[in-house]
Amino acid sequence: MNFKVYIGNPPYQHGNRSIYQEFIRQAYSIGAEYACLIVNNNWIEGNTHKKTREFLINNGLHTIVNYNEPGEVFEGVHVAVSIVQYAPKG
């Protein structure tokens, strides 16, 4: 089964392990032409999620809408998020 559009707000972590980047890659593995996810914004800078950043850059990164203030998007949730749009099929 192929999907044209992959949209989601995946879980950001499981216990102490960050897992949202697995959902970013999943859009590619299911053959989605377009993807739009709202995720933790810690992939944008630093070395911890450098592979996720490189994956997005190399797989059709189109738009980033970044919300630096925790709780700015989801009231009461103290996480800064970004909305990322990309085209896994290029």
PDB file of N, CA and C in Angstrom:
ATOM      1  N   MET A   1       0.842  -1.169   0.000  1.00  0.00           N
ATOM      2  CA  MET A   1       0.000   0.000   0.000  1.00  0.00           C
ATOM      3  C   MET A   1       0.892   1.239   0.000  1.00  0.00           C
ATOM      4  N   ASN A   2       0.586   2.190  -0.872  1.00  0.00           N
ATOM      5  CA  ASN A   2       1.316   3.447  -0.926  1.00  0.00           C
ATOM      6  C   ASN A   2       0.423   4.589  -0.472  1.00  0.00           C
ATOM      7  N   PHE A   3       1.043   5.588   0.099  1.00  0.00           N
ATOM      8  CA  PHE A   3       0.327   6.761   0.571  1.00  0.00           C
ATOM      9  C   PHE A   3       0.862   7.985  -0.147  1.00  0.00           C
ATOM     10  N   LYS A   4      -0.017   8.833  -0.585  1.00  0.00           N
ATOM     11  CA  LYS A   4       0.402  10.063  -1.250  1.00  0.00           C
ATOM     12  C   LYS A   4       0.859  11.098  -0.218  1.00  0.00           C
ATOM     13  N   VAL A   5       0.111  11.213   0.886  1.00  0.00           N
ATOM     14  CA  VAL A   5       0.421  12.205   1.915  1.00  0.00           C
ATOM     15  C   VAL A   5       0.500  11.520   3.277  1.00  0.00           C
ATOM     16  N   TYR A   6       1.500  11.898   4.042  1.00  0.00           N
ATOM     17  CA  TYR A   6       1.751  11.349   5.381  1.00  0.00           C
ATOM     18  C   TYR A   6       1.733  12.540   6.338  1.00  0.00           C
ATOM     19  N   ILE A   7       0.743  12.617   7.226  1.00  0.00           N
ATOM     20  CA  ILE A   7       0.594  13.738   8.149  1.00  0.00           C
ATOM     21  C   ILE A   7       0.528  13.184   9.565  1.00  0.00           C
ATOM     22  N   GLY A   8       1.224  13.817  10.499  1.00  0.00           N
ATOM     23  CA  GLY A   8       1.136  13.298  11.847  1.00  0.00           C
ATOM     24  C   GLY A   8       1.759  14.166  12.918  1.00  0.00           C
ATOM     25  N   ASN A   9       1.451  13.776  14.116  1.00  0.00           N
ATOM     26  CA  ASN A   9       2.029  14.334  15.330  1.00  0.00           C
ATOM     27  C   ASN A   9       2.469  13.131  16.159  1.00  0.00           C
ATOM     28  N   PRO A  10       3.603  12.540  15.777  1.00  0.00           N
ATOM     29  CA  PRO A  10       4.019  11.296  16.428  1.00  0.00           C
ATOM     30  C   PRO A  10       4.475  11.533  17.860  1.00  0.00           C
ATOM     31  N   PRO A  11       4.539  10.465  18.640  1.00  0.00           N
ATOM     32  CA  PRO A  11       5.106  10.596  19.988  1.00  0.00           C
ATOM     33  C   PRO A  11       6.558  11.023  19.865  1.00  0.00           C
ATOM     34  N   TYR A  12       6.990  11.879  20.765  1.00  0.00           N
ATOM     35  CA  TYR A  12       8.349  12.408  20.686  1.00  0.00           C
ATOM     36  C   TYR A  12       9.372  11.481  21.330  1.00  0.00           C
ATOM     37  N   GLN A  13       8.946  10.773  22.359  1.00  0.00           N
ATOM     38  CA  GLN A  13       9.889   9.868  23.009  1.00  0.00           C
ATOM     39  C   GLN A  13       9.170   8.721  23.686  1.00  0.00           C
ATOM     40  N   HIS A  14       9.949   7.688  23.957  1.00  0.00           N
ATOM     41  CA  HIS A  14       9.478   6.519  24.697  1.00  0.00           C
ATOM     42  C   HIS A  14      10.459   6.336  25.844  1.00  0.00           C
ATOM     43  N   GLY A  15       9.999   6.594  27.058  1.00  0.00           N
ATOM     44  CA  GLY A  15      10.920   6.605  28.194  1.00  0.00           C
ATOM     45  C   GLY A  15      11.916   7.729  28.013  1.00  0.00           C
ATOM     46  N   ASN A  16      13.200   7.401  28.070  1.00  0.00           N
ATOM     47  CA  ASN A  16      14.242   8.413  27.868  1.00  0.00           C
ATOM     48  C   ASN A  16      14.750   8.455  26.436  1.00  0.00           C
ATOM     49  N   ARG A  17      14.158   7.649  25.553  1.00  0.00           N
ATOM     50  CA  ARG A  17      14.643   7.536  24.182  1.00  0.00           C
ATOM     51  C   ARG A  17      13.762   8.329  23.213  1.00  0.00           C
ATOM     52  N   SER A  18      14.392   9.179  22.422  1.00  0.00           N
ATOM     53  CA  SER A  18      13.693   9.950  21.415  1.00  0.00           C
ATOM     54  C   SER A  18      13.294   9.031  20.262  1.00  0.00           C
ATOM     55  N   ILE A  19      12.015   9.081  19.838  1.00  0.00           N
ATOM     56  CA  ILE A  19      11.560   8.178  18.771  1.00  0.00           C
ATOM     57  C   ILE A  19      10.902   8.886  17.588  1.00  0.00           C
ATOM     58  N   TYR A  20      10.671  10.184  17.668  1.00  0.00           N
ATOM     59  CA  TYR A  20       9.945  10.859  16.585  1.00  0.00           C
ATOM     60  C   TYR A  20      10.676  10.763  15.259  1.00  0.00           C
ATOM     61  N   GLN A  21      12.016  10.695  15.281  1.00  0.00           N
ATOM     62  CA  GLN A  21      12.778  10.613  14.038  1.00  0.00           C
ATOM     63  C   GLN A  21      12.479   9.323  13.270  1.00  0.00           C
ATOM     64  N   GLU A  22      12.058   8.280  13.965  1.00  0.00           N
ATOM     65  CA  GLU A  22      11.661   7.042  13.298  1.00  0.00           C
ATOM     66  C   GLU A  22      10.420   7.278  12.441  1.00  0.00           C
ATOM     67  N   PHE A  23       9.520   8.138  12.901  1.00  0.00           N
ATOM     68  CA  PHE A  23       8.319   8.468  12.139  1.00  0.00           C
ATOM     69  C   PHE A  23       8.659   9.337  10.933  1.00  0.00           C
ATOM     70  N   ILE A  24       9.669  10.183  11.070  1.00  0.00           N
ATOM     71  CA  ILE A  24      10.133  10.982   9.931  1.00  0.00           C
ATOM     72  C   ILE A  24      10.613  10.060   8.824  1.00  0.00           C
ATOM     73  N   ARG A  25      11.391   9.071   9.172  1.00  0.00           N
ATOM     74  CA  ARG A  25      11.919   8.125   8.176  1.00  0.00           C
ATOM     75  C   ARG A  25      10.819   7.204   7.624  1.00  0.00           C
ATOM     76  N   GLN A  26       9.810   6.925   8.405  1.00  0.00           N
ATOM     77  CA  GLN A  26       8.753   6.017   7.983  1.00  0.00           C
ATOM     78  C   GLN A  26       8.023   6.533   6.736  1.00  0.00           C
ATOM     79  N   ALA A  27       7.862   7.823   6.595  1.00  0.00           N
ATOM     80  CA  ALA A  27       7.198   8.374   5.414  1.00  0.00           C
ATOM     81  C   ALA A  27       7.930   7.936   4.151  1.00  0.00           C
ATOM     82  N   TYR A  28       9.229   7.897   4.221  1.00  0.00           N
ATOM     83  CA  TYR A  28      10.038   7.449   3.080  1.00  0.00           C
ATOM     84  C   TYR A  28       9.817   5.960   2.826  1.00  0.00           C
ATOM     85  N   SER A  29       9.820   5.173   3.874  1.00  0.00           N
ATOM     86  CA  SER A  29       9.717   3.716   3.711  1.00  0.00           C
ATOM     87  C   SER A  29       8.337   3.273   3.213  1.00  0.00           C
ATOM     88  N   ILE A  30       7.283   4.070   3.446  1.00  0.00           N
ATOM     89  CA  ILE A  30       5.953   3.688   2.956  1.00  0.00           C
ATOM     90  C   ILE A  30       5.640   4.303   1.597  1.00  0.00           C
ATOM     91  N   GLY A  31       6.595   5.040   1.050  1.00  0.00           N
ATOM     92  CA  GLY A  31       6.417   5.581  -0.287  1.00  0.00           C
ATOM     93  C   GLY A  31       5.591   6.839  -0.390  1.00  0.00           C
ATOM     94  N   ALA A  32       5.465   7.588   0.700  1.00  0.00           N
ATOM     95  CA  ALA A  32       4.690   8.833   0.669  1.00  0.00           C
ATOM     96  C   ALA A  32       5.350   9.850  -0.266  1.00  0.00           C
ATOM     97  N   GLU A  33       4.524  10.557  -1.013  1.00  0.00           N
ATOM     98  CA  GLU A  33       5.044  11.606  -1.889  1.00  0.00           C
ATOM     99  C   GLU A  33       5.290  12.903  -1.113  1.00  0.00           C
ATOM    100  N   TYR A  34       4.468  13.149  -0.104  1.00  0.00           N
ATOM    101  CA  TYR A  34       4.578  14.347   0.717  1.00  0.00           C
ATOM    102  C   TYR A  34       4.408  13.968   2.176  1.00  0.00           C
ATOM    103  N   ALA A  35       5.095  14.693   3.047  1.00  0.00           N
ATOM    104  CA  ALA A  35       4.967  14.439   4.481  1.00  0.00           C
ATOM    105  C   ALA A  35       4.960  15.766   5.230  1.00  0.00           C
ATOM    106  N   CYS A  36       4.171  15.812   6.291  1.00  0.00           N
ATOM    107  CA  CYS A  36       4.112  16.984   7.156  1.00  0.00           C
ATOM    108  C   CYS A  36       3.920  16.477   8.588  1.00  0.00           C
ATOM    109  N   LEU A  37       4.902  16.750   9.431  1.00  0.00           N
ATOM    110  CA  LEU A  37       4.856  16.272  10.817  1.00  0.00           C
ATOM    111  C   LEU A  37       5.144  17.418  11.774  1.00  0.00           C
ATOM    112  N   ILE A  38       4.514  17.352  12.924  1.00  0.00           N
ATOM    113  CA  ILE A  38       4.860  18.271  13.997  1.00  0.00           C
ATOM    114  C   ILE A  38       5.646  17.454  15.014  1.00  0.00           C
ATOM    115  N   VAL A  39       6.880  17.891  15.254  1.00  0.00           N
ATOM    116  CA  VAL A  39       7.808  17.123  16.088  1.00  0.00           C
ATOM    117  C   VAL A  39       8.587  18.051  17.015  1.00  0.00           C
ATOM    118  N   ASN A  40       9.257  17.466  17.969  1.00  0.00           N
ATOM    119  CA  ASN A  40      10.175  18.205  18.828  1.00  0.00           C
ATOM    120  C   ASN A  40      11.156  18.946  17.923  1.00  0.00           C
ATOM    121  N   ASN A  41      11.515  20.177  18.264  1.00  0.00           N
ATOM    122  CA  ASN A  41      12.396  20.940  17.376  1.00  0.00           C
ATOM    123  C   ASN A  41      13.885  20.740  17.653  1.00  0.00           C
ATOM    124  N   ASN A  42      14.236  19.778  18.469  1.00  0.00           N
ATOM    125  CA  ASN A  42      15.652  19.600  18.800  1.00  0.00           C
ATOM    126  C   ASN A  42      16.480  18.989  17.669  1.00  0.00           C
ATOM    127  N   TRP A  43      15.863  18.634  16.545  1.00  0.00           N
ATOM    128  CA  TRP A  43      16.607  18.123  15.396  1.00  0.00           C
ATOM    129  C   TRP A  43      17.249  19.259  14.600  1.00  0.00           C
ATOM    130  N   ILE A  44      16.810  20.489  14.802  1.00  0.00           N
ATOM    131  CA  ILE A  44      17.241  21.620  13.978  1.00  0.00           C
ATOM    132  C   ILE A  44      18.700  21.998  14.238  1.00  0.00           C
ATOM    133  N   GLU A  45      19.140  21.915  15.480  1.00  0.00           N
ATOM    134  CA  GLU A  45      20.499  22.327  15.833  1.00  0.00           C
ATOM    135  C   GLU A  45      21.203  21.228  16.629  1.00  0.00           C
ATOM    136  N   GLY A  46      22.496  21.339  16.704  1.00  0.00           N
ATOM    137  CA  GLY A  46      23.289  20.439  17.536  1.00  0.00           C
ATOM    138  C   GLY A  46      23.594  19.108  16.877  1.00  0.00           C
ATOM    139  N   ASN A  47      24.296  18.268  17.614  1.00  0.00           N
ATOM    140  CA  ASN A  47      24.754  16.984  17.079  1.00  0.00           C
ATOM    141  C   ASN A  47      23.869  15.802  17.430  1.00  0.00           C
ATOM    142  N   THR A  48      23.031  15.928  18.443  1.00  0.00           N
ATOM    143  CA  THR A  48      22.247  14.793  18.903  1.00  0.00           C
ATOM    144  C   THR A  48      21.374  14.200  17.799  1.00  0.00           C
ATOM    145  N   HIS A  49      20.731  15.047  17.023  1.00  0.00           N
ATOM    146  CA  HIS A  49      19.844  14.576  15.959  1.00  0.00           C
ATOM    147  C   HIS A  49      20.344  15.015  14.577  1.00  0.00           C
ATOM    148  N   LYS A  50      21.667  15.053  14.444  1.00  0.00           N
ATOM    149  CA  LYS A  50      22.289  15.449  13.182  1.00  0.00           C
ATOM    150  C   LYS A  50      21.853  14.534  12.036  1.00  0.00           C
ATOM    151  N   LYS A  51      21.729  13.238  12.290  1.00  0.00           N
ATOM    152  CA  LYS A  51      21.326  12.300  11.237  1.00  0.00           C
ATOM    153  C   LYS A  51      19.903  12.584  10.761  1.00  0.00           C
ATOM    154  N   THR A  52      19.026  12.979  11.669  1.00  0.00           N
ATOM    155  CA  THR A  52      17.656  13.330  11.286  1.00  0.00           C
ATOM    156  C   THR A  52      17.673  14.576  10.407  1.00  0.00           C
ATOM    157  N   ARG A  53      18.453  15.571  10.791  1.00  0.00           N
ATOM    158  CA  ARG A  53      18.568  16.801  10.010  1.00  0.00           C
ATOM    159  C   ARG A  53      19.102  16.491   8.606  1.00  0.00           C
ATOM    160  N   GLU A  54      20.146  15.686   8.537  1.00  0.00           N
ATOM    161  CA  GLU A  54      20.722  15.323   7.246  1.00  0.00           C
ATOM    162  C   GLU A  54      19.730  14.522   6.403  1.00  0.00           C
ATOM    163  N   PHE A  55      18.984  13.628   7.052  1.00  0.00           N
ATOM    164  CA  PHE A  55      17.972  12.847   6.339  1.00  0.00           C
ATOM    165  C   PHE A  55      16.951  13.772   5.683  1.00  0.00           C
ATOM    166  N   LEU A  56      16.451  14.743   6.438  1.00  0.00           N
ATOM    167  CA  LEU A  56      15.456  15.669   5.899  1.00  0.00           C
ATOM    168  C   LEU A  56      16.039  16.507   4.760  1.00  0.00           C
ATOM    169  N   ILE A  57      17.231  17.010   4.943  1.00  0.00           N
ATOM    170  CA  ILE A  57      17.870  17.821   3.900  1.00  0.00           C
ATOM    171  C   ILE A  57      18.043  17.008   2.621  1.00  0.00           C
ATOM    172  N   ASN A  58      18.417  15.752   2.767  1.00  0.00           N
ATOM    173  CA  ASN A  58      18.671  14.895   1.609  1.00  0.00           C
ATOM    174  C   ASN A  58      17.415  14.250   1.035  1.00  0.00           C
ATOM    175  N   ASN A  59      16.268  14.437   1.681  1.00  0.00           N
ATOM    176  CA  ASN A  59      15.038  13.800   1.231  1.00  0.00           C
ATOM    177  C   ASN A  59      13.889  14.792   1.072  1.00  0.00           C
ATOM    178  N   GLY A  60      14.187  15.889   0.441  1.00  0.00           N
ATOM    179  CA  GLY A  60      13.129  16.799   0.022  1.00  0.00           C
ATOM    180  C   GLY A  60      12.607  17.765   1.060  1.00  0.00           C
ATOM    181  N   LEU A  61      13.430  18.189   2.004  1.00  0.00           N
ATOM    182  CA  LEU A  61      12.991  19.187   2.987  1.00  0.00           C
ATOM    183  C   LEU A  61      12.457  20.410   2.249  1.00  0.00           C
ATOM    184  N   HIS A  62      11.253  20.804   2.594  1.00  0.00           N
ATOM    185  CA  HIS A  62      10.604  21.910   1.884  1.00  0.00           C
ATOM    186  C   HIS A  62      10.360  23.106   2.801  1.00  0.00           C
ATOM    187  N   THR A  63       9.751  22.864   3.971  1.00  0.00           N
ATOM    188  CA  THR A  63       9.357  23.958   4.855  1.00  0.00           C
ATOM    189  C   THR A  63       9.574  23.572   6.316  1.00  0.00           C
ATOM    190  N   ILE A  64      10.053  24.520   7.093  1.00  0.00           N
ATOM    191  CA  ILE A  64      10.153  24.363   8.550  1.00  0.00           C
ATOM    192  C   ILE A  64       9.438  25.560   9.178  1.00  0.00           C
ATOM    193  N   VAL A  65       8.493  25.285  10.045  1.00  0.00           N
ATOM    194  CA  VAL A  65       7.877  26.336  10.856  1.00  0.00           C
ATOM    195  C   VAL A  65       8.266  26.006  12.284  1.00  0.00           C
ATOM    196  N   ASN A  66       9.097  26.846  12.865  1.00  0.00           N
ATOM    197  CA  ASN A  66       9.663  26.558  14.181  1.00  0.00           C
ATOM    198  C   ASN A  66       8.990  27.393  15.265  1.00  0.00           C
ATOM    199  N   TYR A  67       8.683  26.738  16.374  1.00  0.00           N
ATOM    200  CA  TYR A  67       8.102  27.395  17.554  1.00  0.00           C
ATOM    201  C   TYR A  67       9.066  27.172  18.710  1.00  0.00           C
ATOM    202  N   ASN A  68       9.883  28.175  18.982  1.00  0.00           N
ATOM    203  CA  ASN A  68      10.932  28.053  20.003  1.00  0.00           C
ATOM    204  C   ASN A  68      10.428  28.021  21.432  1.00  0.00           C
ATOM    205  N   GLU A  69       9.261  28.592  21.665  1.00  0.00           N
ATOM    206  CA  GLU A  69       8.750  28.679  23.030  1.00  0.00           C
ATOM    207  C   GLU A  69       7.980  27.422  23.417  1.00  0.00           C
ATOM    208  N   PRO A  70       8.444  26.703  24.443  1.00  0.00           N
ATOM    209  CA  PRO A  70       7.681  25.545  24.916  1.00  0.00           C
ATOM    210  C   PRO A  70       6.257  25.955  25.281  1.00  0.00           C
ATOM    211  N   GLY A  71       5.296  25.172  24.857  1.00  0.00           N
ATOM    212  CA  GLY A  71       3.900  25.461  25.142  1.00  0.00           C
ATOM    213  C   GLY A  71       3.245  26.396  24.153  1.00  0.00           C
ATOM    214  N   GLU A  72       3.995  26.907  23.202  1.00  0.00           N
ATOM    215  CA  GLU A  72       3.457  27.851  22.222  1.00  0.00           C
ATOM    216  C   GLU A  72       2.411  27.205  21.306  1.00  0.00           C
ATOM    217  N   VAL A  73       2.585  25.948  21.009  1.00  0.00           N
ATOM    218  CA  VAL A  73       1.644  25.242  20.125  1.00  0.00           C
ATOM    219  C   VAL A  73       0.649  24.425  20.926  1.00  0.00           C
ATOM    220  N   PHE A  74       1.162  23.656  21.873  1.00  0.00           N
ATOM    221  CA  PHE A  74       0.308  22.818  22.712  1.00  0.00           C
ATOM    222  C   PHE A  74       0.351  23.366  24.136  1.00  0.00           C
ATOM    223  N   GLU A  75      -0.692  24.079  24.504  1.00  0.00           N
ATOM    224  CA  GLU A  75      -0.750  24.699  25.825  1.00  0.00           C
ATOM    225  C   GLU A  75      -0.558  23.662  26.919  1.00  0.00           C
ATOM    226  N   GLY A  76       0.301  23.968  27.862  1.00  0.00           N
ATOM    227  CA  GLY A  76       0.550  23.079  28.983  1.00  0.00           C
ATOM    228  C   GLY A  76       1.581  22.002  28.700  1.00  0.00           C
ATOM    229  N   VAL A  77       2.029  21.911  27.468  1.00  0.00           N
ATOM    230  CA  VAL A  77       3.071  20.942  27.110  1.00  0.00           C
ATOM    231  C   VAL A  77       4.367  21.721  26.956  1.00  0.00           C
ATOM    232  N   HIS A  78       5.330  21.393  27.746  1.00  0.00           N
ATOM    233  CA  HIS A  78       6.562  22.178  27.802  1.00  0.00           C
ATOM    234  C   HIS A  78       7.619  21.644  26.845  1.00  0.00           C
ATOM    235  N   VAL A  79       7.255  21.656  25.562  1.00  0.00           N
ATOM    236  CA  VAL A  79       8.158  21.210  24.510  1.00  0.00           C
ATOM    237  C   VAL A  79       8.097  22.225  23.374  1.00  0.00           C
ATOM    238  N   ALA A  80       9.265  22.635  22.892  1.00  0.00           N
ATOM    239  CA  ALA A  80       9.321  23.476  21.703  1.00  0.00           C
ATOM    240  C   ALA A  80       9.219  22.558  20.493  1.00  0.00           C
ATOM    241  N   VAL A  81       8.414  22.939  19.513  1.00  0.00           N
ATOM    242  CA  VAL A  81       8.157  22.050  18.377  1.00  0.00           C
ATOM    243  C   VAL A  81       8.420  22.757  17.054  1.00  0.00           C
ATOM    244  N   SER A  82       8.478  21.950  16.012  1.00  0.00           N
ATOM    245  CA  SER A  82       8.539  22.472  14.656  1.00  0.00           C
ATOM    246  C   SER A  82       7.589  21.656  13.790  1.00  0.00           C
ATOM    247  N   ILE A  83       7.075  22.317  12.788  1.00  0.00           N
ATOM    248  CA  ILE A  83       6.290  21.638  11.767  1.00  0.00           C
ATOM    249  C   ILE A  83       7.213  21.525  10.568  1.00  0.00           C
ATOM    250  N   VAL A  84       7.411  20.324  10.105  1.00  0.00           N
ATOM    251  CA  VAL A  84       8.332  20.094   9.000  1.00  0.00           C
ATOM    252  C   VAL A  84       7.577  19.456   7.841  1.00  0.00           C
ATOM    253  N   GLN A  85       7.788  20.020   6.652  1.00  0.00           N
ATOM    254  CA  GLN A  85       7.171  19.480   5.445  1.00  0.00           C
ATOM    255  C   GLN A  85       8.303  19.035   4.530  1.00  0.00           C
ATOM    256  N   TYR A  86       8.172  17.828   3.989  1.00  0.00           N
ATOM    257  CA  TYR A  86       9.202  17.310   3.089  1.00  0.00           C
ATOM    258  C   TYR A  86       8.577  16.369   2.076  1.00  0.00           C
ATOM    259  N   ALA A  87       9.339  16.038   1.057  1.00  0.00           N
ATOM    260  CA  ALA A  87       8.848  15.177  -0.010  1.00  0.00           C
ATOM    261  C   ALA A  87       9.760  13.965  -0.109  1.00  0.00           C
ATOM    262  N   PRO A  88       9.460  12.922   0.647  1.00  0.00           N
ATOM    263  CA  PRO A  88      10.326  11.739   0.698  1.00  0.00           C
ATOM    264  C   PRO A  88      10.661  11.129  -0.661  1.00  0.00           C
ATOM    265  N   LYS A  89       9.745  11.225  -1.611  1.00  0.00           N
ATOM    266  CA  LYS A  89       9.990  10.666  -2.941  1.00  0.00           C
ATOM    267  C   LYS A  89      10.767  11.638  -3.822  1.00  0.00           C
ATOM    268  N   GLY A  90      10.965  12.885  -3.313  1.00  0.00           N
ATOM    269  CA  GLY A  90      11.714  13.891  -4.065  1.00  0.00           C
ATOM    270  C   GLY A  90      10.942  14.380  -5.221  1.00  0.00           C
TER     271      GLY A  90
END
